[in-house]
PDB file of N, CA and C in Angstrom:
ATOM      1  N   MET A   1       3.986 -58.534  29.368  1.00  0.00           N
ATOM      2  CA  MET A   1       3.515 -58.573  27.697  1.00  0.00           C
ATOM      3  C   MET A   1       4.208 -57.196  27.306  1.00  0.00           C
ATOM      4  N   THR A   2       4.576 -57.207  26.041  1.00  0.00           N
ATOM      5  CA  THR A   2       5.346 -55.901  25.652  1.00  0.00           C
ATOM      6  C   THR A   2       4.261 -55.640  24.440  1.00  0.00           C
ATOM      7  N   ALA A   3       4.092 -54.196  24.044  1.00  0.00           N
ATOM      8  CA  ALA A   3       3.187 -53.563  23.222  1.00  0.00           C
ATOM      9  C   ALA A   3       3.863 -53.653  21.930  1.00  0.00           C
ATOM     10  N   ALA A   4       3.253 -54.048  20.900  1.00  0.00           N
ATOM     11  CA  ALA A   4       4.004 -53.909  19.421  1.00  0.00           C
ATOM     12  C   ALA A   4       3.889 -52.500  19.015  1.00  0.00           C
ATOM     13  N   PRO A   5       5.091 -52.299  18.082  1.00  0.00           N
ATOM     14  CA  PRO A   5       5.239 -51.111  17.488  1.00  0.00           C
ATOM     15  C   PRO A   5       4.018 -50.988  16.590  1.00  0.00           C
ATOM     16  N   VAL A   6       3.504 -49.593  16.359  1.00  0.00           N
ATOM     17  CA  VAL A   6       2.716 -49.247  15.377  1.00  0.00           C
ATOM     18  C   VAL A   6       3.141 -48.045  14.794  1.00  0.00           C
ATOM     19  N   ASP A   7       3.189 -48.379  13.322  1.00  0.00           N
ATOM     20  CA  ASP A   7       3.388 -47.346  12.226  1.00  0.00           C
ATOM     21  C   ASP A   7       2.199 -46.403  12.037  1.00  0.00           C
ATOM     22  N   VAL A   8       2.537 -45.090  12.053  1.00  0.00           N
ATOM     23  CA  VAL A   8       1.287 -43.879  11.839  1.00  0.00           C
ATOM     24  C   VAL A   8       1.776 -42.978  10.877  1.00  0.00           C
ATOM     25  N   SER A   9       0.923 -43.088   9.649  1.00  0.00           N
ATOM     26  CA  SER A   9       1.812 -42.309   8.604  1.00  0.00           C
ATOM     27  C   SER A   9       1.425 -40.528   9.032  1.00  0.00           C
ATOM     28  N   VAL A  10       2.338 -39.816   8.740  1.00  0.00           N
ATOM     29  CA  VAL A  10       2.159 -38.291   9.346  1.00  0.00           C
ATOM     30  C   VAL A  10       2.506 -37.672   7.947  1.00  0.00           C
ATOM     31  N   THR A  11       1.653 -36.627   7.693  1.00  0.00           N
ATOM     32  CA  THR A  11       1.660 -35.504   6.538  1.00  0.00           C
ATOM     33  C   THR A  11       2.515 -34.250   7.277  1.00  0.00           C
ATOM     34  N   ARG A  12       3.087 -33.385   6.654  1.00  0.00           N
ATOM     35  CA  ARG A  12       3.835 -32.407   7.139  1.00  0.00           C
ATOM     36  C   ARG A  12       3.420 -31.390   6.058  1.00  0.00           C
ATOM     37  N   ARG A  13       2.800 -30.321   6.732  1.00  0.00           N
ATOM     38  CA  ARG A  13       2.596 -29.167   5.722  1.00  0.00           C
ATOM     39  C   ARG A  13       3.441 -27.967   6.216  1.00  0.00           C
ATOM     40  N   ILE A  14       3.718 -27.066   5.262  1.00  0.00           N
ATOM     41  CA  ILE A  14       4.549 -25.789   5.584  1.00  0.00           C
ATOM     42  C   ILE A  14       3.528 -24.653   5.180  1.00  0.00           C
ATOM     43  N   GLY A  15       3.574 -23.543   5.781  1.00  0.00           N
ATOM     44  CA  GLY A  15       2.763 -22.440   5.648  1.00  0.00           C
ATOM     45  C   GLY A  15       3.139 -21.127   6.402  1.00  0.00           C
ATOM     46  N   PRO A  16       2.515 -20.252   6.216  1.00  0.00           N
ATOM     47  CA  PRO A  16       2.909 -18.934   7.210  1.00  0.00           C
ATOM     48  C   PRO A  16       2.487 -19.167   8.607  1.00  0.00           C
ATOM     49  N   HIS A  17       3.498 -18.652   9.366  1.00  0.00           N
ATOM     50  CA  HIS A  17       3.434 -18.782  10.808  1.00  0.00           C
ATOM     51  C   HIS A  17       2.403 -17.899  11.274  1.00  0.00           C
ATOM     52  N   PRO A  18       1.530 -18.424  11.987  1.00  0.00           N
ATOM     53  CA  PRO A  18       0.042 -17.715  12.556  1.00  0.00           C
ATOM     54  C   PRO A  18       0.455 -16.453  13.282  1.00  0.00           C
ATOM     55  N   GLN A  19       1.953 -16.297  13.818  1.00  0.00           N
ATOM     56  CA  GLN A  19       2.207 -15.321  14.810  1.00  0.00           C
ATOM     57  C   GLN A  19       3.147 -14.258  14.016  1.00  0.00           C
ATOM     58  N   GLY A  20       3.598 -15.111  12.740  1.00  0.00           N
ATOM     59  CA  GLY A  20       4.497 -14.176  11.800  1.00  0.00           C
ATOM     60  C   GLY A  20       3.895 -13.032  11.033  1.00  0.00           C
ATOM     61  N   GLU A  21       4.596 -12.181  10.477  1.00  0.00           N
ATOM     62  CA  GLU A  21       4.315 -11.143   9.527  1.00  0.00           C
ATOM     63  C   GLU A  21       4.482 -11.570   8.137  1.00  0.00           C
ATOM     64  N   VAL A  22       3.605 -11.139   7.277  1.00  0.00           N
ATOM     65  CA  VAL A  22       4.202 -11.152   5.944  1.00  0.00           C
ATOM     66  C   VAL A  22       4.244  -9.672   5.347  1.00  0.00           C
ATOM     67  N   VAL A  23       5.563  -9.852   4.569  1.00  0.00           N
ATOM     68  CA  VAL A  23       6.075  -8.667   3.797  1.00  0.00           C
ATOM     69  C   VAL A  23       5.944  -8.946   2.375  1.00  0.00           C
ATOM     70  N   ALA A  24       5.352  -7.669   1.618  1.00  0.00           N
ATOM     71  CA  ALA A  24       5.182  -8.009   0.298  1.00  0.00           C
ATOM     72  C   ALA A  24       5.933  -6.771  -0.543  1.00  0.00           C
ATOM     73  N   THR A  25       6.875  -6.961  -1.451  1.00  0.00           N
ATOM     74  CA  THR A  25       7.430  -5.633  -2.203  1.00  0.00           C
ATOM     75  C   THR A  25       7.448  -6.083  -3.855  1.00  0.00           C
ATOM     76  N   ALA A  26       7.603  -4.906  -4.449  1.00  0.00           N
ATOM     77  CA  ALA A  26       7.752  -5.350  -5.834  1.00  0.00           C
ATOM     78  C   ALA A  26       8.683  -4.038  -6.586  1.00  0.00           C
ATOM     79  N   TYR A  27       9.257  -4.170  -7.686  1.00  0.00           N
ATOM     80  CA  TYR A  27       9.930  -3.164  -8.488  1.00  0.00           C
ATOM     81  C   TYR A  27       9.677  -3.281  -9.729  1.00  0.00           C
ATOM     82  N   CYS A  28       9.847  -2.370 -10.699  1.00  0.00           N
ATOM     83  CA  CYS A  28       9.636  -2.478 -11.893  1.00  0.00           C
ATOM     84  C   CYS A  28      11.019  -2.786 -12.442  1.00  0.00           C
ATOM     85  N   MET A  29      10.842  -3.845 -13.762  1.00  0.00           N
ATOM     86  CA  MET A  29      12.095  -4.317 -14.247  1.00  0.00           C
ATOM     87  C   MET A  29      12.421  -3.832 -15.750  1.00  0.00           C
ATOM     88  N   HIS A  30      11.633  -2.487 -15.746  1.00  0.00           N
ATOM     89  CA  HIS A  30      11.812  -2.170 -17.245  1.00  0.00           C
ATOM     90  C   HIS A  30      12.942  -1.186 -17.197  1.00  0.00           C
ATOM     91  N   GLY A  31      14.064  -1.531 -17.989  1.00  0.00           N
ATOM     92  CA  GLY A  31      15.090  -0.567 -18.408  1.00  0.00           C
ATOM     93  C   GLY A  31      15.737   0.266 -17.077  1.00  0.00           C
ATOM     94  N   GLU A  32      15.613   1.452 -17.218  1.00  0.00           N
ATOM     95  CA  GLU A  32      16.269   2.045 -15.819  1.00  0.00           C
ATOM     96  C   GLU A  32      15.270   2.741 -15.127  1.00  0.00           C
ATOM     97  N   CYS A  33      13.975   2.136 -14.968  1.00  0.00           N
ATOM     98  CA  CYS A  33      12.972   2.605 -14.223  1.00  0.00           C
ATOM     99  C   CYS A  33      13.403   2.251 -12.780  1.00  0.00           C
ATOM    100  N   THR A  34      13.099   3.269 -11.832  1.00  0.00           N
ATOM    101  CA  THR A  34      13.470   2.937 -10.546  1.00  0.00           C
ATOM    102  C   THR A  34      12.229   2.962  -9.539  1.00  0.00           C
ATOM    103  N   TRP A  35      10.938   2.581 -10.277  1.00  0.00           N
ATOM    104  CA  TRP A  35       9.774   2.668  -9.630  1.00  0.00           C
ATOM    105  C   TRP A  35       9.804   1.244  -8.646  1.00  0.00           C
ATOM    106  N   GLU A  36       9.508   1.518  -7.159  1.00  0.00           N
ATOM    107  CA  GLU A  36       9.104   0.433  -6.296  1.00  0.00           C
ATOM    108  C   GLU A  36       8.219   0.550  -5.492  1.00  0.00           C
ATOM    109  N   THR A  37       7.732  -0.411  -4.808  1.00  0.00           N
ATOM    110  CA  THR A  37       6.411  -0.296  -3.972  1.00  0.00           C
ATOM    111  C   THR A  37       7.284  -0.145  -2.357  1.00  0.00           C
ATOM    112  N   GLN A  38       6.342   0.369  -1.298  1.00  0.00           N
ATOM    113  CA  GLN A  38       6.895   0.217  -0.118  1.00  0.00           C
ATOM    114  C   GLN A  38       6.772  -1.240   0.419  1.00  0.00           C
ATOM    115  N   PRO A  39       7.375  -1.608   1.414  1.00  0.00           N
ATOM    116  CA  PRO A  39       6.834  -2.989   1.771  1.00  0.00           C
ATOM    117  C   PRO A  39       5.531  -2.938   2.588  1.00  0.00           C
ATOM    118  N   THR A  40       4.719  -3.781   2.385  1.00  0.00           N
ATOM    119  CA  THR A  40       3.240  -3.897   2.964  1.00  0.00           C
ATOM    120  C   THR A  40       2.954  -5.439   3.429  1.00  0.00           C
ATOM    121  N   PRO A  41       2.219  -5.408   4.171  1.00  0.00           N
ATOM    122  CA  PRO A  41       1.631  -6.818   4.871  1.00  0.00           C
ATOM    123  C   PRO A  41       0.784  -7.092   3.934  1.00  0.00           C
ATOM    124  N   GLU A  42       0.203  -6.518   2.886  1.00  0.00           N
ATOM    125  CA  GLU A  42      -1.127  -7.082   1.874  1.00  0.00           C
ATOM    126  C   GLU A  42      -0.482  -7.263   0.459  1.00  0.00           C
ATOM    127  N   PRO A  43      -0.019  -8.613   0.362  1.00  0.00           N
ATOM    128  CA  PRO A  43       0.346  -8.784  -0.901  1.00  0.00           C
ATOM    129  C   PRO A  43      -0.601  -8.451  -2.047  1.00  0.00           C
ATOM    130  N   PRO A  44      -1.925  -8.556  -2.017  1.00  0.00           N
ATOM    131  CA  PRO A  44      -2.711  -8.223  -3.098  1.00  0.00           C
ATOM    132  C   PRO A  44      -2.540  -6.870  -3.596  1.00  0.00           C
ATOM    133  N   GLY A  45      -2.278  -5.880  -2.449  1.00  0.00           N
ATOM    134  CA  GLY A  45      -1.844  -4.478  -2.861  1.00  0.00           C
ATOM    135  C   GLY A  45      -0.859  -4.174  -3.725  1.00  0.00           C
ATOM    136  N   VAL A  46       0.043  -4.930  -3.498  1.00  0.00           N
ATOM    137  CA  VAL A  46       1.431  -4.856  -4.387  1.00  0.00           C
ATOM    138  C   VAL A  46       0.909  -5.127  -5.631  1.00  0.00           C
ATOM    139  N   ASN A  47       0.150  -6.168  -6.094  1.00  0.00           N
ATOM    140  CA  ASN A  47      -0.289  -6.382  -7.581  1.00  0.00           C
ATOM    141  C   ASN A  47      -1.321  -5.161  -7.820  1.00  0.00           C
ATOM    142  N   VAL A  48      -1.904  -4.657  -7.277  1.00  0.00           N
ATOM    143  CA  VAL A  48      -2.680  -3.643  -7.630  1.00  0.00           C
ATOM    144  C   VAL A  48      -1.716  -2.281  -7.880  1.00  0.00           C
ATOM    145  N   GLU A  49      -0.817  -1.906  -7.234  1.00  0.00           N
ATOM    146  CA  GLU A  49       0.157  -1.106  -7.354  1.00  0.00           C
ATOM    147  C   GLU A  49       1.096  -1.281  -8.712  1.00  0.00           C
ATOM    148  N   CYS A  50       1.321  -2.542  -8.741  1.00  0.00           N
ATOM    149  CA  CYS A  50       1.735  -2.923 -10.070  1.00  0.00           C
ATOM    150  C   CYS A  50       1.167  -2.619 -11.559  1.00  0.00           C
ATOM    151  N   LEU A  51      -0.051  -3.033 -11.318  1.00  0.00           N
ATOM    152  CA  LEU A  51      -1.094  -2.810 -12.296  1.00  0.00           C
ATOM    153  C   LEU A  51      -1.360  -1.337 -12.608  1.00  0.00           C
ATOM    154  N   ALA A  52      -1.059  -0.617 -11.683  1.00  0.00           N
ATOM    155  CA  ALA A  52      -1.588   0.922 -11.540  1.00  0.00           C
ATOM    156  C   ALA A  52      -0.066   1.701 -12.449  1.00  0.00           C
ATOM    157  N   HIS A  53       1.002   1.099 -12.142  1.00  0.00           N
ATOM    158  CA  HIS A  53       2.275   1.515 -12.627  1.00  0.00           C
ATOM    159  C   HIS A  53       2.401   1.084 -14.111  1.00  0.00           C
ATOM    160  N   ALA A  54       1.878  -0.247 -14.593  1.00  0.00           N
ATOM    161  CA  ALA A  54       1.968  -0.657 -15.946  1.00  0.00           C
ATOM    162  C   ALA A  54       0.912   0.453 -16.577  1.00  0.00           C
ATOM    163  N   VAL A  55      -0.059   0.553 -16.225  1.00  0.00           N
ATOM    164  CA  VAL A  55      -1.209   1.635 -16.848  1.00  0.00           C
ATOM    165  C   VAL A  55      -0.548   3.112 -17.106  1.00  0.00           C
ATOM    166  N   ALA A  56       0.049   3.424 -16.128  1.00  0.00           N
ATOM    167  CA  ALA A  56       0.598   4.885 -16.205  1.00  0.00           C
ATOM    168  C   ALA A  56       2.009   4.900 -17.082  1.00  0.00           C
ATOM    169  N   ALA A  57       2.569   4.173 -16.759  1.00  0.00           N
ATOM    170  CA  ALA A  57       4.212   3.770 -17.510  1.00  0.00           C
ATOM    171  C   ALA A  57       4.023   2.998 -18.584  1.00  0.00           C
ATOM    172  N   GLY A  58       3.410   2.298 -18.917  1.00  0.00           N
ATOM    173  CA  GLY A  58       3.639   1.310 -19.812  1.00  0.00           C
ATOM    174  C   GLY A  58       4.569   0.317 -19.869  1.00  0.00           C
ATOM    175  N   HIS A  59       4.808  -0.070 -18.667  1.00  0.00           N
ATOM    176  CA  HIS A  59       5.747  -1.132 -18.254  1.00  0.00           C
ATOM    177  C   HIS A  59       5.029  -2.361 -18.020  1.00  0.00           C
ATOM    178  N   ASP A  60       5.875  -3.434 -18.411  1.00  0.00           N
ATOM    179  CA  ASP A  60       4.795  -4.762 -18.150  1.00  0.00           C
ATOM    180  C   ASP A  60       5.687  -6.150 -17.268  1.00  0.00           C
ATOM    181  N   ALA A  61       6.941  -5.356 -16.875  1.00  0.00           N
ATOM    182  CA  ALA A  61       7.571  -6.586 -15.937  1.00  0.00           C
ATOM    183  C   ALA A  61       7.975  -6.187 -14.490  1.00  0.00           C
ATOM    184  N   PHE A  62       7.679  -6.946 -13.690  1.00  0.00           N
ATOM    185  CA  PHE A  62       7.717  -6.704 -12.415  1.00  0.00           C
ATOM    186  C   PHE A  62       8.330  -7.814 -11.627  1.00  0.00           C
ATOM    187  N   ALA A  63       9.303  -7.639 -10.358  1.00  0.00           N
ATOM    188  CA  ALA A  63       9.758  -8.596  -9.700  1.00  0.00           C
ATOM    189  C   ALA A  63       8.944  -8.137  -8.255  1.00  0.00           C
ATOM    190  N   ILE A  64       8.219  -9.461  -7.734  1.00  0.00           N
ATOM    191  CA  ILE A  64       7.319  -9.109  -6.643  1.00  0.00           C
ATOM    192  C   ILE A  64       8.087 -10.317  -5.726  1.00  0.00           C
ATOM    193  N   THR A  65       8.388 -10.014  -4.390  1.00  0.00           N
ATOM    194  CA  THR A  65       8.730 -10.554  -3.349  1.00  0.00           C
ATOM    195  C   THR A  65       7.747 -10.599  -2.374  1.00  0.00           C
ATOM    196  N   VAL A  66       7.331 -11.953  -1.769  1.00  0.00           N
ATOM    197  CA  VAL A  66       6.511 -12.091  -0.608  1.00  0.00           C
ATOM    198  C   VAL A  66       7.143 -12.934   0.668  1.00  0.00           C
ATOM    199  N   GLU A  67       7.498 -12.366   1.502  1.00  0.00           N
ATOM    200  CA  GLU A  67       8.275 -13.028   2.761  1.00  0.00           C
ATOM    201  C   GLU A  67       7.474 -13.123   3.840  1.00  0.00           C
ATOM    202  N   TYR A  68       7.845 -14.282   4.428  1.00  0.00           N
ATOM    203  CA  TYR A  68       6.911 -14.626   5.586  1.00  0.00           C
ATOM    204  C   TYR A  68       7.764 -15.630   6.331  1.00  0.00           C
ATOM    205  N   VAL A  69       7.707 -15.699   7.810  1.00  0.00           N
ATOM    206  CA  VAL A  69       8.213 -16.899   8.464  1.00  0.00           C
ATOM    207  C   VAL A  69       7.273 -17.962   8.412  1.00  0.00           C
ATOM    208  N   ALA A  70       7.877 -19.133   8.101  1.00  0.00           N
ATOM    209  CA  ALA A  70       7.174 -20.511   7.835  1.00  0.00           C
ATOM    210  C   ALA A  70       7.095 -21.211   8.961  1.00  0.00           C
ATOM    211  N   LEU A  71       6.142 -22.071   9.109  1.00  0.00           N
ATOM    212  CA  LEU A  71       6.023 -23.072  10.337  1.00  0.00           C
ATOM    213  C   LEU A  71       5.546 -24.497   9.613  1.00  0.00           C
ATOM    214  N   VAL A  72       6.479 -25.270   9.887  1.00  0.00           N
ATOM    215  CA  VAL A  72       6.046 -26.744   9.402  1.00  0.00           C
ATOM    216  C   VAL A  72       5.067 -27.278  10.620  1.00  0.00           C
ATOM    217  N   THR A  73       4.106 -28.133  10.403  1.00  0.00           N
ATOM    218  CA  THR A  73       3.086 -28.960  11.083  1.00  0.00           C
ATOM    219  C   THR A  73       2.864 -30.384  10.618  1.00  0.00           C
ATOM    220  N   ALA A  74       2.855 -31.005  11.587  1.00  0.00           N
ATOM    221  CA  ALA A  74       2.533 -32.490  11.339  1.00  0.00           C
ATOM    222  C   ALA A  74       1.075 -32.839  11.989  1.00  0.00           C
ATOM    223  N   GLY A  75       0.326 -33.538  11.256  1.00  0.00           N
ATOM    224  CA  GLY A  75      -0.666 -34.357  11.488  1.00  0.00           C
ATOM    225  C   GLY A  75      -1.023 -35.562  10.948  1.00  0.00           C
ATOM    226  N   PRO A  76      -1.984 -36.470  11.343  1.00  0.00           N
ATOM    227  CA  PRO A  76      -2.030 -37.986  10.772  1.00  0.00           C
ATOM    228  C   PRO A  76      -2.528 -37.857   9.331  1.00  0.00           C
ATOM    229  N   ARG A  77      -2.241 -38.668   8.642  1.00  0.00           N
ATOM    230  CA  ARG A  77      -3.044 -38.699   7.226  1.00  0.00           C
ATOM    231  C   ARG A  77      -4.390 -38.949   7.217  1.00  0.00           C
TER     232      ARG A  77
END
């Protein structure tokens, strides 16, 4: 007797690798301003630094980058 094939739906998710590092940086996009943050593993801290610079300098546009190693995982639906 042969087993019949069985279809199983699988979802895939992508997110930060549990053993990877997160690095966040930001820089001011206002004209000739050269302000930027140091790379940090704490993305919320970058937002706080940008807010502080905005209050101090009156600048309101920032480029923020969050970089991490991603891992795709699969599991049943």
